[in-house]
N, C-alpha and C. Protein backbone atom coordinates (compact mmCIF):
# COMPACT_ATOMS: atom_id res chain seq x y z
N MET A 1 0.84 -1.19 0.00
CA MET A 1 0.00 0.00 0.00
C MET A 1 0.88 1.25 0.00
N PHE A 2 0.45 2.27 -0.71
CA PHE A 2 1.09 3.58 -0.62
C PHE A 2 0.19 4.50 0.23
N ASP A 3 0.77 5.15 1.21
CA ASP A 3 0.07 6.15 2.01
C ASP A 3 0.73 7.50 1.71
N ILE A 4 0.20 8.19 0.72
CA ILE A 4 0.80 9.45 0.26
C ILE A 4 0.11 10.60 0.98
N GLY A 5 0.86 11.27 1.83
CA GLY A 5 0.30 12.24 2.76
C GLY A 5 -0.02 11.52 4.06
N ALA A 6 0.97 10.84 4.61
CA ALA A 6 0.74 9.95 5.76
C ALA A 6 0.45 10.70 7.05
N ASN A 7 0.97 11.94 7.18
CA ASN A 7 0.75 12.75 8.37
C ASN A 7 1.15 11.99 9.64
N ARG A 8 0.24 11.74 10.55
CA ARG A 8 0.59 11.05 11.81
C ARG A 8 0.51 9.53 11.71
N GLY A 9 0.13 9.03 10.54
CA GLY A 9 0.18 7.59 10.33
C GLY A 9 -1.09 6.82 10.63
N ASP A 10 -2.23 7.51 10.70
CA ASP A 10 -3.48 6.79 11.01
C ASP A 10 -3.79 5.76 9.93
N ARG A 11 -3.69 6.15 8.67
CA ARG A 11 -4.01 5.20 7.60
C ARG A 11 -2.90 4.15 7.46
N THR A 12 -1.66 4.55 7.70
CA THR A 12 -0.57 3.57 7.70
C THR A 12 -0.84 2.48 8.72
N GLU A 13 -1.30 2.88 9.90
CA GLU A 13 -1.60 1.90 10.95
C GLU A 13 -2.71 0.95 10.50
N LEU A 14 -3.73 1.47 9.83
CA LEU A 14 -4.79 0.60 9.30
C LEU A 14 -4.23 -0.40 8.31
N PHE A 15 -3.36 0.06 7.42
CA PHE A 15 -2.78 -0.82 6.42
C PHE A 15 -1.92 -1.91 7.08
N VAL A 16 -1.16 -1.52 8.11
CA VAL A 16 -0.34 -2.50 8.83
C VAL A 16 -1.23 -3.56 9.48
N GLN A 17 -2.36 -3.13 10.04
CA GLN A 17 -3.29 -4.08 10.64
C GLN A 17 -3.87 -5.04 9.61
N MET A 18 -3.85 -4.63 8.35
CA MET A 18 -4.31 -5.50 7.26
C MET A 18 -3.19 -6.40 6.74
N ASN A 19 -2.05 -6.39 7.45
CA ASN A 19 -0.87 -7.18 7.07
C ASN A 19 -0.27 -6.74 5.74
N ALA A 20 -0.40 -5.45 5.46
CA ALA A 20 0.17 -4.91 4.24
C ALA A 20 1.58 -4.40 4.49
N ARG A 21 2.39 -4.42 3.44
CA ARG A 21 3.65 -3.69 3.43
C ARG A 21 3.35 -2.28 2.95
N VAL A 22 3.81 -1.27 3.67
CA VAL A 22 3.36 0.10 3.44
C VAL A 22 4.54 1.00 3.09
N VAL A 23 4.32 1.86 2.10
CA VAL A 23 5.23 2.97 1.82
C VAL A 23 4.50 4.23 2.28
N ALA A 24 4.99 4.83 3.38
CA ALA A 24 4.38 6.03 3.95
C ALA A 24 5.18 7.24 3.51
N VAL A 25 4.53 8.16 2.80
CA VAL A 25 5.20 9.33 2.24
C VAL A 25 4.72 10.57 2.98
N GLU A 26 5.65 11.29 3.60
CA GLU A 26 5.28 12.46 4.41
C GLU A 26 6.34 13.55 4.26
N PRO A 27 5.92 14.76 3.81
CA PRO A 27 6.91 15.81 3.54
C PRO A 27 7.35 16.61 4.76
N ILE A 28 6.56 16.64 5.85
CA ILE A 28 6.96 17.42 7.02
C ILE A 28 8.05 16.64 7.75
N PRO A 29 9.26 17.17 7.85
CA PRO A 29 10.38 16.39 8.39
C PRO A 29 10.10 15.81 9.78
N GLY A 30 9.53 16.60 10.68
CA GLY A 30 9.26 16.11 12.03
C GLY A 30 8.30 14.94 12.04
N LEU A 31 7.27 15.01 11.20
CA LEU A 31 6.31 13.92 11.14
C LEU A 31 6.91 12.69 10.47
N ALA A 32 7.74 12.88 9.46
CA ALA A 32 8.41 11.74 8.83
C ALA A 32 9.29 11.01 9.83
N SER A 33 10.00 11.76 10.67
CA SER A 33 10.83 11.15 11.71
C SER A 33 9.97 10.40 12.72
N ARG A 34 8.83 10.99 13.05
CA ARG A 34 7.91 10.33 13.98
C ARG A 34 7.41 9.01 13.40
N LEU A 35 7.06 9.00 12.13
CA LEU A 35 6.61 7.76 11.49
C LEU A 35 7.70 6.69 11.52
N GLN A 36 8.94 7.11 11.26
CA GLN A 36 10.04 6.15 11.29
C GLN A 36 10.19 5.53 12.67
N SER A 37 9.96 6.32 13.71
CA SER A 37 10.05 5.82 15.07
C SER A 37 8.87 4.90 15.41
N ILE A 38 7.67 5.34 15.10
CA ILE A 38 6.47 4.57 15.44
C ILE A 38 6.46 3.21 14.76
N PHE A 39 6.85 3.19 13.48
CA PHE A 39 6.72 1.97 12.68
C PHE A 39 8.07 1.27 12.45
N ARG A 40 9.02 1.50 13.35
CA ARG A 40 10.35 0.93 13.14
C ARG A 40 10.36 -0.59 13.18
N TYR A 41 9.37 -1.20 13.83
CA TYR A 41 9.30 -2.66 13.88
C TYR A 41 8.20 -3.22 12.97
N SER A 42 7.66 -2.38 12.09
CA SER A 42 6.60 -2.79 11.18
C SER A 42 7.12 -2.77 9.74
N PRO A 43 6.41 -3.45 8.83
CA PRO A 43 6.84 -3.46 7.42
C PRO A 43 6.47 -2.15 6.72
N VAL A 44 7.07 -1.05 7.21
CA VAL A 44 6.76 0.29 6.71
C VAL A 44 8.04 0.96 6.26
N SER A 45 8.05 1.44 5.03
CA SER A 45 9.15 2.26 4.52
C SER A 45 8.67 3.71 4.49
N VAL A 46 9.40 4.60 5.15
CA VAL A 46 9.01 6.00 5.21
C VAL A 46 9.84 6.79 4.20
N GLU A 47 9.15 7.54 3.36
CA GLU A 47 9.78 8.45 2.42
C GLU A 47 9.55 9.87 2.90
N ALA A 48 10.61 10.55 3.32
CA ALA A 48 10.50 11.93 3.80
C ALA A 48 10.54 12.87 2.61
N ALA A 49 9.41 13.00 1.94
CA ALA A 49 9.34 13.77 0.69
C ALA A 49 7.90 14.12 0.39
N GLY A 50 7.72 15.04 -0.53
CA GLY A 50 6.42 15.27 -1.13
C GLY A 50 6.35 14.51 -2.44
N VAL A 51 5.16 14.47 -3.03
CA VAL A 51 4.96 13.80 -4.31
C VAL A 51 4.34 14.80 -5.27
N GLY A 52 4.85 14.83 -6.50
CA GLY A 52 4.35 15.78 -7.49
C GLY A 52 4.45 15.25 -8.89
N SER A 53 4.25 16.13 -9.85
CA SER A 53 4.25 15.73 -11.25
C SER A 53 5.64 15.51 -11.81
N ARG A 54 6.66 16.08 -11.14
CA ARG A 54 8.05 15.89 -11.57
C ARG A 54 8.96 16.02 -10.35
N PRO A 55 10.13 15.40 -10.39
CA PRO A 55 11.04 15.48 -9.25
C PRO A 55 11.63 16.88 -9.12
N GLY A 56 12.05 17.22 -7.91
CA GLY A 56 12.65 18.52 -7.65
C GLY A 56 12.51 18.89 -6.19
N THR A 57 12.31 20.16 -5.92
CA THR A 57 12.02 20.64 -4.57
C THR A 57 10.89 21.67 -4.66
N LEU A 58 10.09 21.74 -3.61
CA LEU A 58 8.98 22.69 -3.56
C LEU A 58 8.82 23.23 -2.15
N PRO A 59 8.30 24.47 -2.02
CA PRO A 59 8.00 24.99 -0.69
C PRO A 59 6.68 24.41 -0.18
N LEU A 60 6.73 23.87 1.02
CA LEU A 60 5.54 23.34 1.69
C LEU A 60 5.06 24.35 2.71
N HIS A 61 3.79 24.76 2.62
CA HIS A 61 3.20 25.65 3.61
C HIS A 61 2.79 24.78 4.81
N VAL A 62 3.51 24.92 5.91
CA VAL A 62 3.27 24.08 7.09
C VAL A 62 2.25 24.78 7.98
N CYS A 63 1.15 24.08 8.24
CA CYS A 63 0.05 24.65 9.02
C CYS A 63 0.20 24.33 10.50
N SER A 64 -0.35 25.21 11.34
CA SER A 64 -0.38 24.95 12.78
C SER A 64 -1.19 23.70 13.08
N ALA A 65 -2.14 23.35 12.23
CA ALA A 65 -2.80 22.03 12.25
C ALA A 65 -2.13 21.23 11.13
N SER A 66 -1.21 20.35 11.50
CA SER A 66 -0.31 19.74 10.51
C SER A 66 -1.03 19.07 9.36
N GLU A 67 -2.23 18.55 9.61
CA GLU A 67 -2.97 17.85 8.56
C GLU A 67 -3.44 18.79 7.45
N CYS A 68 -3.35 20.10 7.67
CA CYS A 68 -3.73 21.08 6.63
C CYS A 68 -2.52 21.70 5.95
N SER A 69 -1.35 21.17 6.15
CA SER A 69 -0.17 21.63 5.43
C SER A 69 -0.32 21.28 3.95
N SER A 70 0.21 22.14 3.07
CA SER A 70 -0.07 21.94 1.65
C SER A 70 0.98 22.59 0.77
N PHE A 71 1.15 22.01 -0.43
CA PHE A 71 1.94 22.64 -1.49
C PHE A 71 1.09 23.59 -2.33
N SER A 72 -0.21 23.59 -2.12
CA SER A 72 -1.14 24.33 -2.96
C SER A 72 -1.43 25.71 -2.38
N ASP A 73 -1.07 26.76 -3.13
CA ASP A 73 -1.40 28.12 -2.70
C ASP A 73 -2.92 28.32 -2.64
N GLU A 74 -3.64 27.73 -3.61
CA GLU A 74 -5.09 27.88 -3.63
C GLU A 74 -5.72 27.28 -2.37
N PHE A 75 -5.26 26.09 -1.99
CA PHE A 75 -5.79 25.45 -0.78
C PHE A 75 -5.56 26.35 0.43
N VAL A 76 -4.36 26.89 0.57
CA VAL A 76 -4.05 27.74 1.72
C VAL A 76 -4.93 28.99 1.71
N ASP A 77 -5.14 29.60 0.54
CA ASP A 77 -5.99 30.78 0.44
C ASP A 77 -7.41 30.48 0.89
N VAL A 78 -7.97 29.37 0.39
CA VAL A 78 -9.35 29.00 0.73
C VAL A 78 -9.49 28.70 2.21
N PHE A 79 -8.56 27.93 2.75
CA PHE A 79 -8.72 27.47 4.12
C PHE A 79 -8.29 28.50 5.16
N SER A 80 -7.45 29.43 4.79
CA SER A 80 -7.12 30.50 5.73
C SER A 80 -8.34 31.39 5.98
N GLN A 81 -9.22 31.50 4.98
CA GLN A 81 -10.46 32.25 5.18
C GLN A 81 -11.47 31.44 5.99
N LYS A 82 -11.48 30.14 5.77
CA LYS A 82 -12.45 29.28 6.46
C LYS A 82 -12.03 29.00 7.90
N HIS A 83 -10.73 28.94 8.15
CA HIS A 83 -10.21 28.62 9.48
C HIS A 83 -9.22 29.70 9.92
N PRO A 84 -9.72 30.85 10.35
CA PRO A 84 -8.82 31.97 10.69
C PRO A 84 -7.91 31.68 11.88
N SER A 85 -8.24 30.65 12.67
CA SER A 85 -7.38 30.33 13.81
C SER A 85 -6.14 29.54 13.39
N PHE A 86 -6.15 28.99 12.17
CA PHE A 86 -4.99 28.27 11.66
C PHE A 86 -4.02 29.27 11.03
N ASN A 87 -2.74 28.94 11.04
CA ASN A 87 -1.79 29.77 10.30
C ASN A 87 -0.81 28.88 9.54
N TRP A 88 -0.37 29.43 8.42
CA TRP A 88 0.57 28.74 7.53
C TRP A 88 1.84 29.58 7.42
N ASP A 89 2.35 30.05 8.55
CA ASP A 89 3.49 30.97 8.55
C ASP A 89 4.80 30.26 8.22
N ALA A 90 4.91 28.99 8.58
CA ALA A 90 6.16 28.27 8.35
C ALA A 90 6.20 27.69 6.95
N VAL A 91 7.37 27.74 6.33
CA VAL A 91 7.57 27.15 5.01
C VAL A 91 8.80 26.25 5.06
N GLU A 92 8.64 25.04 4.56
CA GLU A 92 9.75 24.08 4.47
C GLU A 92 10.01 23.78 3.00
N LEU A 93 11.25 23.85 2.58
CA LEU A 93 11.62 23.45 1.22
C LEU A 93 11.91 21.95 1.26
N VAL A 94 11.10 21.16 0.56
CA VAL A 94 11.21 19.71 0.69
C VAL A 94 11.43 19.06 -0.68
N PRO A 95 12.06 17.90 -0.69
CA PRO A 95 12.26 17.18 -1.96
C PRO A 95 10.94 16.61 -2.48
N ILE A 96 10.83 16.54 -3.80
CA ILE A 96 9.64 16.00 -4.46
C ILE A 96 10.03 14.79 -5.29
N VAL A 97 9.24 13.73 -5.15
CA VAL A 97 9.40 12.54 -5.99
C VAL A 97 8.09 12.34 -6.75
N THR A 98 8.10 11.46 -7.72
CA THR A 98 6.87 11.14 -8.46
C THR A 98 6.35 9.77 -8.03
N MET A 99 5.07 9.54 -8.32
CA MET A 99 4.52 8.21 -8.05
C MET A 99 5.23 7.14 -8.87
N ASP A 100 5.58 7.48 -10.11
CA ASP A 100 6.33 6.51 -10.92
C ASP A 100 7.64 6.11 -10.24
N ALA A 101 8.34 7.10 -9.67
CA ALA A 101 9.60 6.81 -8.99
C ALA A 101 9.37 5.90 -7.78
N LEU A 102 8.28 6.14 -7.06
CA LEU A 102 7.96 5.28 -5.91
C LEU A 102 7.67 3.85 -6.36
N LEU A 103 6.96 3.71 -7.49
CA LEU A 103 6.69 2.37 -8.02
C LEU A 103 7.97 1.66 -8.43
N ARG A 104 8.87 2.41 -9.06
CA ARG A 104 10.12 1.78 -9.48
C ARG A 104 10.96 1.36 -8.27
N LYS A 105 10.92 2.14 -7.22
CA LYS A 105 11.73 1.86 -6.03
C LYS A 105 11.14 0.75 -5.17
N HIS A 106 9.83 0.78 -4.97
CA HIS A 106 9.20 -0.11 -3.99
C HIS A 106 8.34 -1.20 -4.61
N GLY A 107 8.11 -1.11 -5.91
CA GLY A 107 7.20 -2.06 -6.55
C GLY A 107 5.79 -1.49 -6.61
N PRO A 108 4.95 -2.05 -7.49
CA PRO A 108 3.59 -1.53 -7.64
C PRO A 108 2.73 -1.83 -6.42
N PRO A 109 1.94 -0.87 -5.96
CA PRO A 109 1.07 -1.12 -4.81
C PRO A 109 -0.25 -1.76 -5.23
N ALA A 110 -0.86 -2.49 -4.31
CA ALA A 110 -2.22 -2.97 -4.54
C ALA A 110 -3.21 -1.81 -4.44
N PHE A 111 -2.84 -0.81 -3.63
CA PHE A 111 -3.73 0.34 -3.42
C PHE A 111 -2.86 1.53 -3.04
N ALA A 112 -3.25 2.71 -3.53
CA ALA A 112 -2.54 3.95 -3.19
C ALA A 112 -3.53 4.97 -2.68
N LYS A 113 -3.31 5.47 -1.48
CA LYS A 113 -4.15 6.54 -0.91
C LYS A 113 -3.42 7.85 -1.08
N VAL A 114 -4.11 8.85 -1.67
CA VAL A 114 -3.52 10.16 -1.92
C VAL A 114 -4.36 11.20 -1.19
N ASP A 115 -3.77 11.81 -0.17
CA ASP A 115 -4.46 12.83 0.63
C ASP A 115 -3.45 13.94 0.91
N VAL A 116 -3.44 14.96 0.05
CA VAL A 116 -2.36 15.95 0.09
C VAL A 116 -2.88 17.39 0.05
N GLU A 117 -4.08 17.60 0.53
CA GLU A 117 -4.63 18.94 0.75
C GLU A 117 -4.51 19.84 -0.48
N GLY A 118 -5.25 19.48 -1.50
CA GLY A 118 -5.33 20.34 -2.68
C GLY A 118 -4.27 20.11 -3.73
N TYR A 119 -3.38 19.14 -3.52
CA TYR A 119 -2.30 18.90 -4.48
C TYR A 119 -2.46 17.55 -5.19
N GLU A 120 -3.67 16.98 -5.11
CA GLU A 120 -3.90 15.65 -5.65
C GLU A 120 -3.68 15.57 -7.16
N ARG A 121 -4.11 16.60 -7.89
CA ARG A 121 -3.94 16.56 -9.34
C ARG A 121 -2.47 16.44 -9.74
N GLU A 122 -1.62 17.21 -9.07
CA GLU A 122 -0.19 17.17 -9.39
C GLU A 122 0.43 15.83 -9.02
N VAL A 123 0.02 15.28 -7.88
CA VAL A 123 0.53 13.96 -7.48
C VAL A 123 0.21 12.92 -8.54
N LEU A 124 -1.04 12.86 -8.96
CA LEU A 124 -1.45 11.82 -9.89
C LEU A 124 -0.99 12.08 -11.31
N ALA A 125 -0.63 13.33 -11.62
CA ALA A 125 -0.03 13.61 -12.93
C ALA A 125 1.33 12.93 -13.07
N GLY A 126 1.96 12.61 -11.94
CA GLY A 126 3.25 11.92 -11.95
C GLY A 126 3.13 10.41 -11.97
N LEU A 127 1.91 9.91 -12.25
CA LEU A 127 1.68 8.47 -12.35
C LEU A 127 1.39 8.14 -13.81
N THR A 128 2.25 7.35 -14.43
CA THR A 128 2.01 6.90 -15.81
C THR A 128 1.93 5.39 -15.89
N ILE A 129 2.03 4.73 -14.75
CA ILE A 129 1.95 3.27 -14.67
C ILE A 129 0.65 2.94 -13.93
N PRO A 130 -0.33 2.32 -14.56
CA PRO A 130 -1.61 2.10 -13.88
C PRO A 130 -1.47 1.17 -12.67
N VAL A 131 -2.19 1.51 -11.62
CA VAL A 131 -2.22 0.69 -10.41
C VAL A 131 -3.63 0.10 -10.26
N PRO A 132 -3.77 -1.00 -9.52
CA PRO A 132 -5.08 -1.65 -9.43
C PRO A 132 -6.17 -0.79 -8.80
N ALA A 133 -5.81 -0.01 -7.78
CA ALA A 133 -6.83 0.77 -7.08
C ALA A 133 -6.15 1.93 -6.36
N LEU A 134 -6.91 3.01 -6.17
CA LEU A 134 -6.39 4.16 -5.45
C LEU A 134 -7.55 5.01 -4.95
N SER A 135 -7.21 5.94 -4.06
CA SER A 135 -8.18 6.95 -3.64
C SER A 135 -7.49 8.30 -3.64
N PHE A 136 -8.28 9.35 -3.86
CA PHE A 136 -7.74 10.71 -3.76
C PHE A 136 -8.80 11.61 -3.15
N GLU A 137 -8.34 12.56 -2.35
CA GLU A 137 -9.26 13.44 -1.63
C GLU A 137 -9.65 14.63 -2.50
N VAL A 138 -10.91 15.07 -2.36
CA VAL A 138 -11.36 16.32 -2.97
C VAL A 138 -12.11 17.13 -1.92
N ARG A 139 -12.12 18.44 -2.12
CA ARG A 139 -12.86 19.39 -1.27
C ARG A 139 -13.94 20.04 -2.12
N PRO A 140 -14.99 20.59 -1.50
CA PRO A 140 -16.07 21.21 -2.29
C PRO A 140 -15.60 22.27 -3.27
N TYR A 141 -14.59 23.05 -2.90
CA TYR A 141 -14.20 24.17 -3.76
C TYR A 141 -13.55 23.73 -5.06
N ASP A 142 -12.98 22.51 -5.10
CA ASP A 142 -12.29 22.08 -6.32
C ASP A 142 -12.66 20.67 -6.74
N SER A 143 -13.78 20.17 -6.22
CA SER A 143 -14.09 18.75 -6.41
C SER A 143 -14.25 18.38 -7.88
N ILE A 144 -14.98 19.20 -8.65
CA ILE A 144 -15.23 18.86 -10.05
C ILE A 144 -13.94 18.94 -10.86
N THR A 145 -13.17 20.01 -10.65
CA THR A 145 -11.92 20.17 -11.40
C THR A 145 -10.97 19.02 -11.12
N THR A 146 -10.78 18.69 -9.84
CA THR A 146 -9.85 17.63 -9.48
C THR A 146 -10.34 16.27 -9.98
N ALA A 147 -11.61 15.96 -9.74
CA ALA A 147 -12.14 14.66 -10.15
C ALA A 147 -12.11 14.51 -11.66
N SER A 148 -12.43 15.58 -12.39
CA SER A 148 -12.41 15.52 -13.85
C SER A 148 -10.99 15.32 -14.36
N THR A 149 -10.04 16.10 -13.84
CA THR A 149 -8.65 15.99 -14.29
C THR A 149 -8.08 14.60 -14.00
N VAL A 150 -8.31 14.12 -12.78
CA VAL A 150 -7.74 12.83 -12.40
C VAL A 150 -8.41 11.68 -13.14
N SER A 151 -9.74 11.70 -13.25
CA SER A 151 -10.42 10.59 -13.93
C SER A 151 -10.03 10.52 -15.41
N GLN A 152 -9.86 11.67 -16.05
CA GLN A 152 -9.43 11.67 -17.45
C GLN A 152 -7.99 11.16 -17.58
N HIS A 153 -7.14 11.54 -16.62
CA HIS A 153 -5.76 11.06 -16.65
C HIS A 153 -5.72 9.54 -16.46
N LEU A 154 -6.49 9.03 -15.51
CA LEU A 154 -6.52 7.59 -15.28
C LEU A 154 -7.05 6.84 -16.49
N ALA A 155 -8.03 7.45 -17.19
CA ALA A 155 -8.60 6.80 -18.37
C ALA A 155 -7.58 6.64 -19.48
N ARG A 156 -6.58 7.49 -19.49
CA ARG A 156 -5.50 7.35 -20.50
C ARG A 156 -4.56 6.21 -20.16
N LEU A 157 -4.56 5.79 -18.89
CA LEU A 157 -3.65 4.73 -18.45
C LEU A 157 -4.29 3.34 -18.52
N ALA A 158 -5.58 3.28 -18.17
CA ALA A 158 -6.28 1.99 -18.10
C ALA A 158 -7.78 2.29 -18.00
N ARG A 159 -8.57 1.26 -17.79
CA ARG A 159 -10.01 1.45 -17.63
C ARG A 159 -10.35 1.40 -16.13
N TYR A 160 -10.94 2.46 -15.64
CA TYR A 160 -11.26 2.57 -14.20
C TYR A 160 -12.75 2.87 -14.01
N GLU A 161 -13.26 2.47 -12.84
CA GLU A 161 -14.57 2.89 -12.38
C GLU A 161 -14.42 3.49 -10.99
N PHE A 162 -15.46 4.22 -10.53
CA PHE A 162 -15.30 5.11 -9.39
C PHE A 162 -16.44 4.98 -8.38
N ASN A 163 -16.10 5.36 -7.14
CA ASN A 163 -17.11 5.51 -6.10
C ASN A 163 -16.66 6.61 -5.15
N LEU A 164 -17.51 6.99 -4.21
CA LEU A 164 -17.23 8.08 -3.29
C LEU A 164 -17.41 7.61 -1.86
N SER A 165 -16.64 8.21 -0.95
CA SER A 165 -16.81 7.96 0.48
C SER A 165 -16.65 9.29 1.21
N LEU A 166 -17.68 9.70 1.94
CA LEU A 166 -17.67 10.98 2.61
C LEU A 166 -16.77 10.96 3.85
N GLU A 167 -15.90 11.95 3.93
CA GLU A 167 -15.02 12.17 5.07
C GLU A 167 -14.34 10.87 5.47
N GLU A 168 -14.37 10.45 6.72
CA GLU A 168 -13.67 9.22 7.10
C GLU A 168 -14.64 8.08 7.39
N SER A 169 -15.75 8.04 6.63
CA SER A 169 -16.78 7.03 6.91
C SER A 169 -16.39 5.64 6.44
N PHE A 170 -15.55 5.54 5.40
CA PHE A 170 -15.19 4.27 4.77
C PHE A 170 -16.43 3.53 4.26
N VAL A 171 -17.47 4.28 3.94
CA VAL A 171 -18.71 3.72 3.38
C VAL A 171 -18.92 4.36 2.01
N TYR A 172 -19.20 3.55 1.01
CA TYR A 172 -19.43 4.08 -0.33
C TYR A 172 -20.77 4.81 -0.40
N VAL A 173 -20.77 5.96 -1.05
CA VAL A 173 -21.98 6.76 -1.23
C VAL A 173 -22.85 6.17 -2.33
N LEU A 174 -22.24 5.75 -3.43
CA LEU A 174 -22.98 5.29 -4.60
C LEU A 174 -23.31 3.80 -4.49
N PRO A 175 -24.49 3.40 -4.89
CA PRO A 175 -24.87 1.98 -4.77
C PRO A 175 -24.10 1.08 -5.72
N GLN A 176 -23.52 1.67 -6.76
CA GLN A 176 -22.70 0.89 -7.68
C GLN A 176 -21.56 1.76 -8.20
N TRP A 177 -20.49 1.11 -8.68
CA TRP A 177 -19.36 1.83 -9.24
C TRP A 177 -19.76 2.42 -10.59
N VAL A 178 -19.20 3.59 -10.90
CA VAL A 178 -19.65 4.34 -12.08
C VAL A 178 -18.45 4.79 -12.92
N ASP A 179 -18.76 5.24 -14.14
CA ASP A 179 -17.71 5.77 -15.01
C ASP A 179 -17.40 7.22 -14.64
N GLY A 180 -16.44 7.81 -15.35
CA GLY A 180 -15.99 9.15 -15.01
C GLY A 180 -17.08 10.21 -15.12
N ASP A 181 -17.90 10.15 -16.17
CA ASP A 181 -18.96 11.13 -16.34
C ASP A 181 -19.98 11.04 -15.21
N SER A 182 -20.34 9.82 -14.84
CA SER A 182 -21.30 9.63 -13.75
C SER A 182 -20.71 10.07 -12.41
N LEU A 183 -19.40 9.90 -12.26
CA LEU A 183 -18.73 10.40 -11.05
C LEU A 183 -18.93 11.90 -10.92
N LEU A 184 -18.71 12.64 -11.99
CA LEU A 184 -18.86 14.09 -11.94
C LEU A 184 -20.30 14.49 -11.65
N ARG A 185 -21.27 13.77 -12.22
CA ARG A 185 -22.67 14.06 -11.93
C ARG A 185 -22.98 13.83 -10.46
N ALA A 186 -22.44 12.76 -9.91
CA ALA A 186 -22.67 12.46 -8.49
C ALA A 186 -22.09 13.55 -7.60
N LEU A 187 -20.92 14.05 -7.95
CA LEU A 187 -20.32 15.13 -7.16
C LEU A 187 -21.15 16.40 -7.26
N ARG A 188 -21.67 16.70 -8.44
CA ARG A 188 -22.50 17.90 -8.60
C ARG A 188 -23.79 17.79 -7.80
N ASP A 189 -24.28 16.57 -7.61
CA ASP A 189 -25.55 16.37 -6.88
C ASP A 189 -25.38 16.49 -5.37
N LEU A 190 -24.14 16.43 -4.88
CA LEU A 190 -23.93 16.55 -3.44
C LEU A 190 -24.04 18.01 -3.02
N PRO A 191 -24.91 18.36 -2.07
CA PRO A 191 -24.96 19.74 -1.60
C PRO A 191 -23.60 20.16 -1.05
N PRO A 192 -23.00 21.25 -1.55
CA PRO A 192 -21.63 21.60 -1.16
C PRO A 192 -21.46 21.92 0.31
N ASP A 193 -22.56 22.31 0.99
CA ASP A 193 -22.44 22.63 2.41
C ASP A 193 -22.71 21.42 3.31
N SER A 194 -22.86 20.23 2.70
CA SER A 194 -23.15 19.03 3.49
C SER A 194 -21.91 18.19 3.77
N TRP A 195 -20.75 18.62 3.23
CA TRP A 195 -19.53 17.84 3.44
C TRP A 195 -18.32 18.76 3.37
N ASN A 196 -17.26 18.37 4.08
CA ASN A 196 -16.02 19.14 4.10
C ASN A 196 -14.95 18.54 3.20
N PHE A 197 -14.95 17.23 3.07
CA PHE A 197 -14.04 16.55 2.16
C PHE A 197 -14.59 15.16 1.91
N LEU A 198 -14.13 14.56 0.84
CA LEU A 198 -14.48 13.17 0.56
C LEU A 198 -13.35 12.52 -0.21
N ASP A 199 -13.38 11.20 -0.25
CA ASP A 199 -12.41 10.44 -1.02
C ASP A 199 -13.09 9.86 -2.24
N VAL A 200 -12.47 10.05 -3.39
CA VAL A 200 -12.88 9.36 -4.61
C VAL A 200 -12.06 8.08 -4.70
N TYR A 201 -12.74 6.95 -4.84
CA TYR A 201 -12.07 5.67 -5.00
C TYR A 201 -12.12 5.26 -6.48
N ALA A 202 -11.02 4.73 -6.96
CA ALA A 202 -10.93 4.28 -8.35
C ALA A 202 -10.37 2.86 -8.36
N ARG A 203 -10.94 2.01 -9.21
CA ARG A 203 -10.40 0.65 -9.35
C ARG A 203 -10.41 0.26 -10.82
N ARG A 204 -9.38 -0.48 -11.20
CA ARG A 204 -9.27 -0.93 -12.59
C ARG A 204 -10.31 -2.01 -12.89
N THR A 205 -10.82 -1.97 -14.11
CA THR A 205 -11.79 -3.00 -14.52
C THR A 205 -11.26 -3.84 -15.68
N ASP A 206 -10.02 -3.61 -16.09
CA ASP A 206 -9.48 -4.33 -17.24
C ASP A 206 -8.40 -5.33 -16.84
N VAL A 207 -8.41 -5.75 -15.58
CA VAL A 207 -7.45 -6.76 -15.12
C VAL A 207 -8.18 -7.93 -14.49
């Protein structure tokens, strides 16, 4: 499993409980060190890096609530208005790798979770090798743009179908898996003030 945007390791811990070998990717240096300590006796490889469309370095806006740290200026602009008690005053220059590079280094995952606070499109743009299944987070302000961009990109790699899960419910919203166009219709039908974030799940249908 890939846990991209591992933060404090909640999803990594779930994957470990499923007896999975996990690649936990976390750009905040302190949290990456914490993950290495917590999972030192588990089958977890920690990558202290961000993930993007191409390798290099990028400034990470580190939030006082670490789970809202982001490479996305748009995300920070939107959420600084919504959460005035949070601040993004600290900036860390961190290394960036691509999903393709992670696949080459660690092998293909059975599942990849991508939760990077508004930077999901760039992360998945760096994937050119289709994986069996993945999830990526969207927020109301950019849900259609992100879901459309990612679903079209995945369609160029393989044949995928989609479902939704609100916040951390781990329950599918749609009664059946749908194609990319139906995914966008389902997102448009969700009242924007009824949810703060959701995960789009994608799985290959041609294997």
